[in-house]
C-alpha atoms as a PDB file:
ATOM      1  CA  UNK A   1      -0.533  -0.015   0.217  1.00  0.00           C
ATOM      2  CA  UNK A   2       2.769   2.393   0.950  1.00  0.00           C
ATOM      3  CA  UNK A   3       4.575   1.693  -2.467  1.00  0.00           C
ATOM      4  CA  UNK A   4       1.211   2.583  -4.477  1.00  0.00           C
ATOM      5  CA  UNK A   5       1.148   6.074  -2.638  1.00  0.00           C
ATOM      6  CA  UNK A   6       4.705   6.902  -2.986  1.00  0.00           C
ATOM      7  CA  UNK A   7       4.927   5.933  -6.513  1.00  0.00           C
ATOM      8  CA  UNK A   8       1.508   8.042  -7.109  1.00  0.00           C
ATOM      9  CA  UNK A   9       3.368  10.864  -5.043  1.00  0.00           C
ATOM     10  CA  UNK A  10       6.468  10.129  -7.787  1.00  0.00           C
ATOM     11  CA  UNK A  11       3.793  10.436 -10.846  1.00  0.00           C
ATOM     12  CA  UNK A  12       1.863  13.242  -9.715  1.00  0.00           C
ATOM     13  CA  UNK A  13       4.889  15.499  -8.748  1.00  0.00           C
ATOM     14  CA  UNK A  14       6.583  14.460 -12.619  1.00  0.00           C
ATOM     15  CA  UNK A  15       3.332  15.730 -13.885  1.00  0.00           C
ATOM     16  CA  UNK A  16       3.502  18.723 -11.952  1.00  0.00           C
ATOM     17  CA  UNK A  17       6.918  19.901 -12.758  1.00  0.00           C
ATOM     18  CA  UNK A  18       6.675  18.630 -16.657  1.00  0.00           C
ATOM     19  CA  UNK A  19       3.795  21.139 -16.376  1.00  0.00           C
ATOM     20  CA  UNK A  20       5.761  24.081 -14.898  1.00  0.00           C
ATOM     21  CA  UNK A  21       8.636  23.681 -17.441  1.00  0.00           C
ATOM     22  CA  UNK A  22       6.718  23.701 -20.044  1.00  0.00           C
ATOM     23  CA  UNK A  23       5.091  26.884 -19.464  1.00  0.00           C
ATOM     24  CA  UNK A  24       8.090  28.437 -18.079  1.00  0.00           C
ATOM     25  CA  UNK A  25      10.079  28.039 -21.321  1.00  0.00           C
ATOM     26  CA  UNK A  26       8.675  30.756 -23.835  1.00  0.00           C
ATOM     27  CA  UNK A  27      11.144  30.869 -26.776  1.00  0.00           C
ATOM     28  CA  UNK A  28      11.791  34.901 -27.850  1.00  0.00           C
ATOM     29  CA  UNK A  29       9.770  35.659 -30.876  1.00  0.00           C
ATOM     30  CA  UNK A  30      11.520  37.332 -33.744  1.00  0.00           C
ATOM     31  CA  UNK A  31      10.161  40.463 -35.398  1.00  0.00           C
ATOM     32  CA  UNK A  32      11.130  42.592 -38.282  1.00  0.00           C
ATOM     33  CA  UNK A  33      11.677  46.250 -37.545  1.00  0.00           C
ATOM     34  CA  UNK A  34      12.234  49.747 -38.908  1.00  0.00           C
ATOM     35  CA  UNK A  35      12.253  53.081 -38.529  1.00  0.00           C
ATOM     36  CA  UNK A  36       9.408  54.538 -36.378  1.00  0.00           C
ATOM     37  CA  UNK A  37       9.083  57.221 -38.984  1.00  0.00           C
ATOM     38  CA  UNK A  38       8.921  54.682 -42.148  1.00  0.00           C
ATOM     39  CA  UNK A  39       5.631  54.622 -43.787  1.00  0.00           C
ATOM     40  CA  UNK A  40       5.210  51.206 -44.268  1.00  0.00           C
ATOM     41  CA  UNK A  41       2.864  49.732 -41.741  1.00  0.00           C
ATOM     42  CA  UNK A  42       2.915  45.920 -42.424  1.00  0.00           C
ATOM     43  CA  UNK A  43       5.090  43.548 -44.896  1.00  0.00           C
ATOM     44  CA  UNK A  44       4.030  39.727 -45.971  1.00  0.00           C
ATOM     45  CA  UNK A  45       6.695  37.123 -45.472  1.00  0.00           C
ATOM     46  CA  UNK A  46       7.182  37.354 -49.279  1.00  0.00           C
ATOM     47  CA  UNK A  47       8.102  41.216 -49.682  1.00  0.00           C
ATOM     48  CA  UNK A  48      10.472  40.309 -46.644  1.00  0.00           C
ATOM     49  CA  UNK A  49      11.736  37.182 -48.907  1.00  0.00           C
ATOM     50  CA  UNK A  50      12.548  39.392 -51.572  1.00  0.00           C
ATOM     51  CA  UNK A  51      14.158  42.332 -49.673  1.00  0.00           C
ATOM     52  CA  UNK A  52      16.634  39.817 -47.591  1.00  0.00           C
ATOM     53  CA  UNK A  53      17.173  37.898 -50.205  1.00  0.00           C
ATOM     54  CA  UNK A  54      18.408  40.751 -52.777  1.00  0.00           C
ATOM     55  CA  UNK A  55      15.085  40.578 -55.282  1.00  0.00           C
ATOM     56  CA  UNK A  56      14.060  43.842 -54.927  1.00  0.00           C
ATOM     57  CA  UNK A  57      15.537  46.720 -52.980  1.00  0.00           C
ATOM     58  CA  UNK A  58      12.687  49.194 -52.319  1.00  0.00           C
ATOM     59  CA  UNK A  59       9.565  48.689 -49.984  1.00  0.00           C
ATOM     60  CA  UNK A  60       6.443  48.017 -51.759  1.00  0.00           C
ATOM     61  CA  UNK A  61       5.544  52.181 -51.334  1.00  0.00           C
ATOM     62  CA  UNK A  62       8.940  52.791 -53.620  1.00  0.00           C
ATOM     63  CA  UNK A  63      10.695  54.065 -51.062  1.00  0.00           C
ATOM     64  CA  UNK A  64      14.495  52.661 -50.633  1.00  0.00           C
ATOM     65  CA  UNK A  65      14.879  49.541 -48.424  1.00  0.00           C
ATOM     66  CA  UNK A  66      18.052  48.949 -46.635  1.00  0.00           C
ATOM     67  CA  UNK A  67      17.981  45.210 -45.080  1.00  0.00           C
ATOM     68  CA  UNK A  68      20.680  44.203 -42.195  1.00  0.00           C
ATOM     69  CA  UNK A  69      22.085  41.205 -40.971  1.00  0.00           C
ATOM     70  CA  UNK A  70      23.575  40.778 -37.370  1.00  0.00           C
ATOM     71  CA  UNK A  71      27.167  39.830 -37.500  1.00  0.00           C
ATOM     72  CA  UNK A  72      27.511  38.760 -33.757  1.00  0.00           C
ATOM     73  CA  UNK A  73      24.129  37.284 -33.107  1.00  0.00           C
ATOM     74  CA  UNK A  74      24.546  34.086 -34.897  1.00  0.00           C
ATOM     75  CA  UNK A  75      22.095  32.025 -32.914  1.00  0.00           C
ATOM     76  CA  UNK A  76      19.288  34.932 -34.205  1.00  0.00           C
ATOM     77  CA  UNK A  77      20.636  35.116 -37.432  1.00  0.00           C
ATOM     78  CA  UNK A  78      20.124  31.534 -38.280  1.00  0.00           C
ATOM     79  CA  UNK A  79      16.872  31.758 -36.538  1.00  0.00           C
ATOM     80  CA  UNK A  80      15.917  34.143 -38.734  1.00  0.00           C
ATOM     81  CA  UNK A  81      16.770  32.690 -42.322  1.00  0.00           C
ATOM     82  CA  UNK A  82      15.674  29.194 -41.103  1.00  0.00           C
ATOM     83  CA  UNK A  83      11.938  30.872 -40.708  1.00  0.00           C
ATOM     84  CA  UNK A  84      12.391  33.298 -43.384  1.00  0.00           C
ATOM     85  CA  UNK A  85      13.483  30.842 -46.162  1.00  0.00           C
ATOM     86  CA  UNK A  86      14.342  27.948 -44.417  1.00  0.00           C
ATOM     87  CA  UNK A  87      17.868  27.493 -45.112  1.00  0.00           C
ATOM     88  CA  UNK A  88      20.879  27.332 -42.841  1.00  0.00           C
ATOM     89  CA  UNK A  89      23.470  29.806 -42.574  1.00  0.00           C
ATOM     90  CA  UNK A  90      25.901  28.017 -44.552  1.00  0.00           C
ATOM     91  CA  UNK A  91      23.344  28.193 -47.812  1.00  0.00           C
ATOM     92  CA  UNK A  92      22.374  31.518 -47.321  1.00  0.00           C
ATOM     93  CA  UNK A  93      26.162  32.799 -47.173  1.00  0.00           C
ATOM     94  CA  UNK A  94      26.671  30.649 -50.199  1.00  0.00           C
ATOM     95  CA  UNK A  95      23.604  31.667 -52.091  1.00  0.00           C
ATOM     96  CA  UNK A  96      25.083  35.365 -51.467  1.00  0.00           C
ATOM     97  CA  UNK A  97      28.875  34.166 -52.353  1.00  0.00           C
ATOM     98  CA  UNK A  98      27.312  33.238 -55.568  1.00  0.00           C
ATOM     99  CA  UNK A  99      25.093  36.469 -56.405  1.00  0.00           C
ATOM    100  CA  UNK A 100      27.927  38.912 -54.913  1.00  0.00           C
ATOM    101  CA  UNK A 101      30.324  37.439 -57.718  1.00  0.00           C
ATOM    102  CA  UNK A 102      27.910  37.858 -60.660  1.00  0.00           C
ATOM    103  CA  UNK A 103      27.501  41.840 -59.458  1.00  0.00           C
ATOM    104  CA  UNK A 104      23.675  42.262 -59.925  1.00  0.00           C
ATOM    105  CA  UNK A 105      22.332  42.266 -56.443  1.00  0.00           C
ATOM    106  CA  UNK A 106      23.880  43.943 -52.999  1.00  0.00           C
ATOM    107  CA  UNK A 107      23.493  41.481 -50.036  1.00  0.00           C
ATOM    108  CA  UNK A 108      21.953  42.794 -46.524  1.00  0.00           C
ATOM    109  CA  UNK A 109      24.232  45.575 -45.287  1.00  0.00           C
ATOM    110  CA  UNK A 110      25.676  44.143 -41.566  1.00  0.00           C
ATOM    111  CA  UNK A 111      25.817  45.541 -38.079  1.00  0.00           C
ATOM    112  CA  UNK A 112      27.899  43.531 -35.683  1.00  0.00           C
ATOM    113  CA  UNK A 113      25.149  43.857 -32.666  1.00  0.00           C
ATOM    114  CA  UNK A 114      22.020  44.266 -31.522  1.00  0.00           C
ATOM    115  CA  UNK A 115      22.744  47.795 -29.958  1.00  0.00           C
ATOM    116  CA  UNK A 116      24.449  48.638 -33.523  1.00  0.00           C
ATOM    117  CA  UNK A 117      21.051  47.729 -35.068  1.00  0.00           C
ATOM    118  CA  UNK A 118      18.891  49.963 -32.535  1.00  0.00           C
ATOM    119  CA  UNK A 119      21.125  52.867 -33.443  1.00  0.00           C
ATOM    120  CA  UNK A 120      20.986  52.361 -37.102  1.00  0.00           C
ATOM    121  CA  UNK A 121      17.091  52.102 -37.190  1.00  0.00           C
ATOM    122  CA  UNK A 122      17.149  55.388 -35.151  1.00  0.00           C
ATOM    123  CA  UNK A 123      19.112  57.136 -37.569  1.00  0.00           C
ATOM    124  CA  UNK A 124      17.902  55.626 -40.965  1.00  0.00           C
ATOM    125  CA  UNK A 125      14.485  55.869 -42.087  1.00  0.00           C
ATOM    126  CA  UNK A 126      15.092  52.855 -44.695  1.00  0.00           C
ATOM    127  CA  UNK A 127      16.762  50.483 -42.294  1.00  0.00           C
ATOM    128  CA  UNK A 128      14.695  47.241 -41.651  1.00  0.00           C
ATOM    129  CA  UNK A 129      16.222  44.540 -39.252  1.00  0.00           C
ATOM    130  CA  UNK A 130      15.118  41.790 -37.464  1.00  0.00           C
ATOM    131  CA  UNK A 131      15.409  41.442 -33.554  1.00  0.00           C
ATOM    132  CA  UNK A 132      13.953  39.382 -30.918  1.00  0.00           C
ATOM    133  CA  UNK A 133      10.678  41.023 -29.804  1.00  0.00           C
ATOM    134  CA  UNK A 134      12.085  41.920 -26.452  1.00  0.00           C
ATOM    135  CA  UNK A 135      14.439  44.201 -27.601  1.00  0.00           C
ATOM    136  CA  UNK A 136      11.824  46.356 -29.686  1.00  0.00           C
ATOM    137  CA  UNK A 137      12.102  50.054 -28.345  1.00  0.00           C
ATOM    138  CA  UNK A 138       9.725  52.766 -28.943  1.00  0.00           C
ATOM    139  CA  UNK A 139      11.498  54.020 -31.367  1.00  0.00           C
ATOM    140  CA  UNK A 140      11.032  51.055 -33.595  1.00  0.00           C
ATOM    141  CA  UNK A 141       8.024  50.034 -35.946  1.00  0.00           C
ATOM    142  CA  UNK A 142       7.372  46.280 -35.908  1.00  0.00           C
ATOM    143  CA  UNK A 143       6.436  45.433 -39.835  1.00  0.00           C
ATOM    144  CA  UNK A 144       6.465  41.566 -39.527  1.00  0.00           C
ATOM    145  CA  UNK A 145       5.981  39.032 -36.937  1.00  0.00           C
ATOM    146  CA  UNK A 146       7.060  35.452 -37.211  1.00  0.00           C
ATOM    147  CA  UNK A 147       4.952  32.670 -35.262  1.00  0.00           C
END
């Protein structure tokens, strides 16, 4: 009888621990942001692919767009490109190496850190970057959210 009670208590404790860990871990979502003064209110995924993969260099309203990659935040960059085009960073780099050789398109500009991206977004209305949702400030405008 004691063994049955003990095993029931352990089972309940394991379920409670599992439930706690499931709710405690919520990964930070990635959002695409631009300068607060930019006229663009929202972008769709296809538009982002066109901008970040070099097909277009302007927002849908015709104004210049400057996509920005983050160099130091390798995990964020990998998550972004995996969510955007389903490719790991090595394949994205290979894609850009091939296109740069042709000289027809320009890859996203590079900023080293999230803080550099924040400063760039404050100064440049054409800047378009991806950050974790927790990094969004009141000087940025979210134009796309990944699920």
